[in-house]
Amino acid sequence: MEKYKLIIADDDHPSRLILSHFIQLFPQYEIVCEAADGEELIQRFMKKIPDIVLVDVDMPKINGMEAMKICKEIHPSLQVIFTTGYDEFAVEAFNLSATDYIVKPIERTRLFTALEKAKKAIEIEKKLLNKHPFKEIKKLSIKSNQTFHYISSDDILFIEKNGRKTVFHTAEHQHETNESLQEIEGKLPCNFYKTHRSYIVNLKKIIKIEPQGETYAAHFSGSDKVAYISKLKIQEVHGLLRA
């Protein structure tokens, strides 16, 4: 039987115990770790990369909503089930593409329904991936004016939004295009990560990160060029580089 990896995140220890007890009754779900606040959740998420997260909305340091926004940037297909004592966050939760939203006190049958929804979503995605398997991109096509440039993704240090243009930076060259960062992000391998609203960085190429004003500067092997990492993203970048 395939097991689905799951993280429980709640600052209330009795709530975590109840959830853990219920989940142990469903053998297809495996609890890989627990977290008591949003920062701990993000750190443990990046080490375990679970299929499902059961997360309380109101947690210290970083609340559940903000923590899940960060985690879903790393793993967009993550299934998120919010748990809370209030129903006022439901709209925001579903705007975040949450699988489900459970108001406490949590009943076993209600939890099971939410977990089954998450499992079904995971199975559907796997079927789609099997039908249309991912092909590693060897070259990226960059249209600059009427010219097409073809460059290896391994040669790209970072991609920068500069005014109305998007600029691809390699160690020795740069190429401009009118495509948006969002369009380009969907074409890139998983070692590229959006570190800032204006930057997508090749994590394989980073050799040093240092603070610079209100942001952080990323330095690359074989180049003097610098990309930037926002304060909101620095912990995730550190975690990904350590993984």
Protein backbone atom coordinates (compact mmCIF):
# COMPACT_ATOMS: atom_id res chain seq x y z
CA MET A 1 0.00 0.00 0.00
CA GLU A 2 1.34 3.41 -0.99
CA LYS A 3 1.62 5.76 1.98
CA TYR A 4 1.12 9.51 1.79
CA LYS A 5 3.59 11.57 3.82
CA LEU A 6 1.99 14.10 6.13
CA ILE A 7 3.10 16.92 8.47
CA ILE A 8 0.99 18.15 11.40
CA ALA A 9 1.51 21.81 12.35
CA ASP A 10 -0.26 23.30 15.37
CA ASP A 11 1.04 25.32 18.32
CA ASP A 12 -1.43 23.54 20.62
CA HIS A 13 0.07 20.24 21.80
CA PRO A 14 -3.27 18.56 22.68
CA SER A 15 -4.54 19.38 19.17
CA ARG A 16 -1.49 17.70 17.64
CA LEU A 17 -2.07 14.64 19.83
CA ILE A 18 -5.70 14.37 18.69
CA LEU A 19 -4.76 14.69 15.02
CA SER A 20 -1.95 12.19 15.41
CA HIS A 21 -4.28 9.70 17.10
CA PHE A 22 -6.88 10.02 14.33
CA ILE A 23 -4.34 9.71 11.51
CA GLN A 24 -2.86 6.55 13.01
CA LEU A 25 -6.28 4.96 12.45
CA PHE A 26 -5.80 5.46 8.68
CA PRO A 27 -2.83 3.27 7.62
CA GLN A 28 -2.39 4.88 4.19
CA TYR A 29 -1.19 8.14 5.81
CA GLU A 30 2.21 8.46 7.50
CA ILE A 31 3.11 11.32 9.84
CA VAL A 32 6.72 12.24 9.02
CA CYS A 33 7.05 15.06 11.57
CA GLU A 34 5.22 17.73 13.56
CA ALA A 35 5.74 21.49 13.98
CA ALA A 36 4.65 23.95 16.67
CA ASP A 37 5.07 27.24 14.76
CA GLY A 38 5.29 28.54 11.20
CA GLU A 39 9.08 28.81 11.05
CA GLU A 40 9.52 25.26 12.29
CA LEU A 41 6.94 24.08 9.76
CA ILE A 42 8.83 25.65 6.83
CA GLN A 43 12.15 24.18 7.98
CA ARG A 44 10.72 20.69 8.43
CA PHE A 45 8.74 20.91 5.21
CA MET A 46 11.91 21.58 3.21
CA LYS A 47 13.62 18.52 4.72
CA LYS A 48 10.69 16.12 4.31
CA ILE A 49 8.73 17.49 1.28
CA PRO A 50 5.45 15.83 2.33
CA ASP A 51 2.39 15.13 0.21
CA ILE A 52 -0.04 16.71 2.69
CA VAL A 53 0.19 19.33 5.44
CA LEU A 54 -2.40 19.67 8.21
CA VAL A 55 -1.83 23.19 9.46
CA ASP A 56 -3.44 25.47 12.02
CA VAL A 57 -4.08 28.99 10.72
CA ASP A 58 -3.15 30.86 13.90
CA MET A 59 0.42 29.95 14.86
CA PRO A 60 3.32 31.99 16.33
CA LYS A 61 6.28 33.45 14.39
CA ILE A 62 4.68 32.86 10.97
CA ASN A 63 0.98 32.06 10.71
CA GLY A 64 -0.27 29.02 8.84
CA MET A 65 -1.46 30.96 5.80
CA GLU A 66 1.88 32.69 5.23
CA ALA A 67 3.84 29.48 5.88
CA MET A 68 1.77 27.63 3.28
CA LYS A 69 2.25 30.37 0.67
CA ILE A 70 5.99 29.83 1.04
CA CYS A 71 5.75 26.03 0.97
CA LYS A 72 3.48 25.99 -2.09
CA GLU A 73 5.98 28.15 -3.99
CA ILE A 74 8.50 25.35 -3.43
CA HIS A 75 6.03 22.50 -4.00
CA PRO A 76 2.95 23.80 -5.91
CA SER A 77 1.16 20.44 -5.85
CA LEU A 78 1.28 20.25 -2.03
CA GLN A 79 -2.13 19.36 -0.54
CA VAL A 80 -2.99 21.73 2.32
CA ILE A 81 -5.71 21.13 4.92
CA PHE A 82 -6.20 24.08 7.26
CA THR A 83 -7.48 23.53 10.81
CA THR A 84 -8.72 26.41 12.95
CA GLY A 85 -11.11 27.43 15.69
CA TYR A 86 -12.66 30.07 13.41
CA ASP A 87 -14.31 30.01 9.99
CA GLU A 88 -13.41 33.60 9.02
CA PHE A 89 -10.30 32.52 7.06
CA ALA A 90 -12.10 30.10 4.75
CA VAL A 91 -12.13 32.39 1.69
CA GLU A 92 -8.42 33.19 2.03
CA ALA A 93 -7.67 29.48 2.48
CA PHE A 94 -9.40 28.49 -0.76
CA ASN A 95 -7.77 31.41 -2.58
CA LEU A 96 -4.55 29.64 -1.66
CA SER A 97 -5.95 26.49 -3.35
CA ALA A 98 -6.34 24.67 -0.05
CA THR A 99 -7.65 21.11 -0.28
CA ASP A 100 -9.96 21.63 2.69
CA TYR A 101 -10.65 23.79 5.73
CA ILE A 102 -11.74 22.17 9.01
CA VAL A 103 -13.16 24.10 11.95
CA LYS A 104 -12.26 22.74 15.40
CA PRO A 105 -13.18 20.64 17.29
CA ILE A 106 -12.16 18.15 14.61
CA GLU A 107 -14.18 14.99 14.19
CA ARG A 108 -12.58 11.82 12.88
CA THR A 109 -14.98 11.41 9.96
CA ARG A 110 -14.50 15.05 8.91
CA LEU A 111 -10.73 14.63 8.96
CA PHE A 112 -10.97 11.42 6.94
CA THR A 113 -13.07 13.21 4.30
CA ALA A 114 -10.43 15.94 3.98
CA LEU A 115 -7.58 13.42 3.73
CA GLU A 116 -9.43 11.47 1.05
CA LYS A 117 -9.87 14.67 -0.97
CA ALA A 118 -6.13 15.28 -0.71
CA LYS A 119 -5.33 11.69 -1.72
CA LYS A 120 -7.61 11.90 -4.76
CA ALA A 121 -5.94 15.18 -5.89
CA ILE A 122 -2.50 13.55 -5.58
CA GLU A 123 -3.62 10.51 -7.60
CA ILE A 124 -5.06 12.69 -10.36
CA GLU A 125 -1.81 14.65 -10.62
CA LYS A 126 0.23 11.44 -10.84
CA LYS A 127 -1.98 10.20 -13.69
CA LEU A 128 -1.48 13.46 -15.55
CA LEU A 129 2.29 13.25 -15.08
CA ASN A 130 2.31 9.68 -16.36
CA LYS A 131 0.30 10.75 -19.39
CA HIS A 132 2.50 13.77 -20.09
CA PRO A 133 5.91 12.95 -18.54
CA PHE A 134 8.28 15.81 -17.79
CA LYS A 135 11.06 16.19 -20.31
CA GLU A 136 14.26 17.82 -19.12
CA ILE A 137 14.93 21.02 -21.03
CA LYS A 138 18.28 20.99 -22.77
CA LYS A 139 18.00 24.43 -24.40
CA LEU A 140 15.82 27.45 -23.74
CA SER A 141 14.58 29.52 -26.65
CA ILE A 142 14.82 33.27 -25.96
CA LYS A 143 13.26 35.63 -28.49
CA SER A 144 14.98 39.02 -28.54
CA ASN A 145 13.40 41.35 -31.12
CA GLN A 146 13.34 39.10 -34.21
CA THR A 147 16.29 36.93 -33.12
CA PHE A 148 16.07 33.59 -31.31
CA HIS A 149 18.86 32.66 -28.89
CA TYR A 150 19.17 29.05 -27.68
CA ILE A 151 21.00 28.63 -24.38
CA SER A 152 21.47 25.73 -21.99
CA SER A 153 19.62 26.10 -18.69
CA ASP A 154 22.86 25.01 -16.96
CA ASP A 155 24.56 28.16 -18.28
CA ILE A 156 22.00 30.53 -16.76
CA LEU A 157 23.04 32.20 -13.49
CA PHE A 158 19.80 34.10 -12.94
CA ILE A 159 16.90 35.80 -14.68
CA GLU A 160 16.03 39.39 -13.82
CA LYS A 161 12.97 41.56 -14.41
CA ASN A 162 14.27 44.96 -15.53
CA GLY A 163 11.50 47.41 -16.41
CA ARG A 164 9.44 45.92 -19.24
CA LYS A 165 12.20 43.51 -20.20
CA THR A 166 13.26 40.18 -18.71
CA VAL A 167 17.02 39.57 -18.81
CA PHE A 168 18.74 36.17 -18.84
CA HIS A 169 22.23 36.36 -17.31
CA THR A 170 24.98 33.85 -18.07
CA ALA A 171 28.56 34.27 -16.87
CA GLU A 172 29.60 36.16 -20.02
CA HIS A 173 26.41 37.31 -21.74
CA GLN A 174 22.89 38.58 -21.22
CA HIS A 175 19.80 38.21 -23.39
CA GLU A 176 16.63 40.30 -23.22
CA THR A 177 13.09 39.14 -23.94
CA ASN A 178 9.55 40.48 -23.55
CA GLU A 179 8.33 37.31 -21.82
CA SER A 180 7.26 37.71 -18.19
CA LEU A 181 9.05 36.06 -15.27
CA GLN A 182 5.91 33.99 -14.66
CA GLU A 183 5.93 32.63 -18.23
CA ILE A 184 9.63 31.80 -18.01
CA GLU A 185 9.38 30.19 -14.56
CA GLY A 186 7.09 27.48 -15.93
CA LYS A 187 9.75 26.40 -18.46
CA LEU A 188 12.65 26.05 -16.01
CA PRO A 189 14.05 22.96 -14.24
CA CYS A 190 13.51 22.57 -10.49
CA ASN A 191 16.93 24.01 -9.53
CA PHE A 192 15.62 27.48 -10.47
CA TYR A 193 13.89 29.34 -7.64
CA LYS A 194 12.15 32.72 -7.45
CA THR A 195 14.15 34.48 -4.72
CA HIS A 196 12.62 37.94 -5.17
CA ARG A 197 9.74 39.45 -7.12
CA SER A 198 12.28 40.46 -9.79
CA TYR A 199 14.68 37.48 -9.73
CA ILE A 200 14.73 33.76 -10.54
CA VAL A 201 18.05 32.18 -9.55
CA ASN A 202 19.87 28.99 -10.53
CA LEU A 203 20.55 27.57 -7.05
CA LYS A 204 23.26 25.26 -8.45
CA LYS A 205 25.40 28.27 -9.33
CA ILE A 206 25.33 30.11 -5.98
CA ILE A 207 28.66 30.12 -4.11
CA LYS A 208 28.02 32.86 -1.52
CA ILE A 209 25.15 34.85 -0.01
CA GLU A 210 25.71 38.02 2.00
CA PRO A 211 23.45 40.73 3.46
CA GLN A 212 23.17 43.91 1.41
CA GLY A 213 20.92 46.63 2.79
CA GLU A 214 17.36 45.36 3.11
CA THR A 215 18.01 42.28 0.93
CA TYR A 216 20.65 39.61 0.40
CA ALA A 217 23.10 39.35 -2.50
CA ALA A 218 23.77 36.01 -4.22
CA HIS A 219 27.18 35.51 -5.85
CA PHE A 220 27.91 32.95 -8.55
CA SER A 221 30.80 30.78 -9.67
CA GLY A 222 32.75 32.20 -12.59
CA SER A 223 31.07 35.63 -12.56
CA ASP A 224 31.01 39.01 -10.81
CA LYS A 225 27.26 39.35 -11.42
CA VAL A 226 24.91 39.55 -8.43
CA ALA A 227 21.25 38.60 -7.95
CA TYR A 228 19.07 39.45 -4.98
CA ILE A 229 17.12 37.45 -2.40
CA SER A 230 14.35 39.05 -0.36
CA LYS A 231 14.19 38.80 3.44
CA LEU A 232 11.02 36.71 3.08
CA LYS A 233 12.80 34.13 0.94
CA ILE A 234 16.26 33.89 2.54
CA GLN A 235 15.42 31.04 4.96
CA GLU A 236 13.89 28.93 2.19
CA VAL A 237 16.96 29.49 -0.01
CA HIS A 238 19.29 28.46 2.83
CA GLY A 239 17.17 25.36 3.40
CA LEU A 240 17.16 24.39 -0.28
CA LEU A 241 20.93 24.84 -0.56
CA ARG A 242 21.51 22.69 2.52
CA ALA A 243 19.15 19.91 1.34
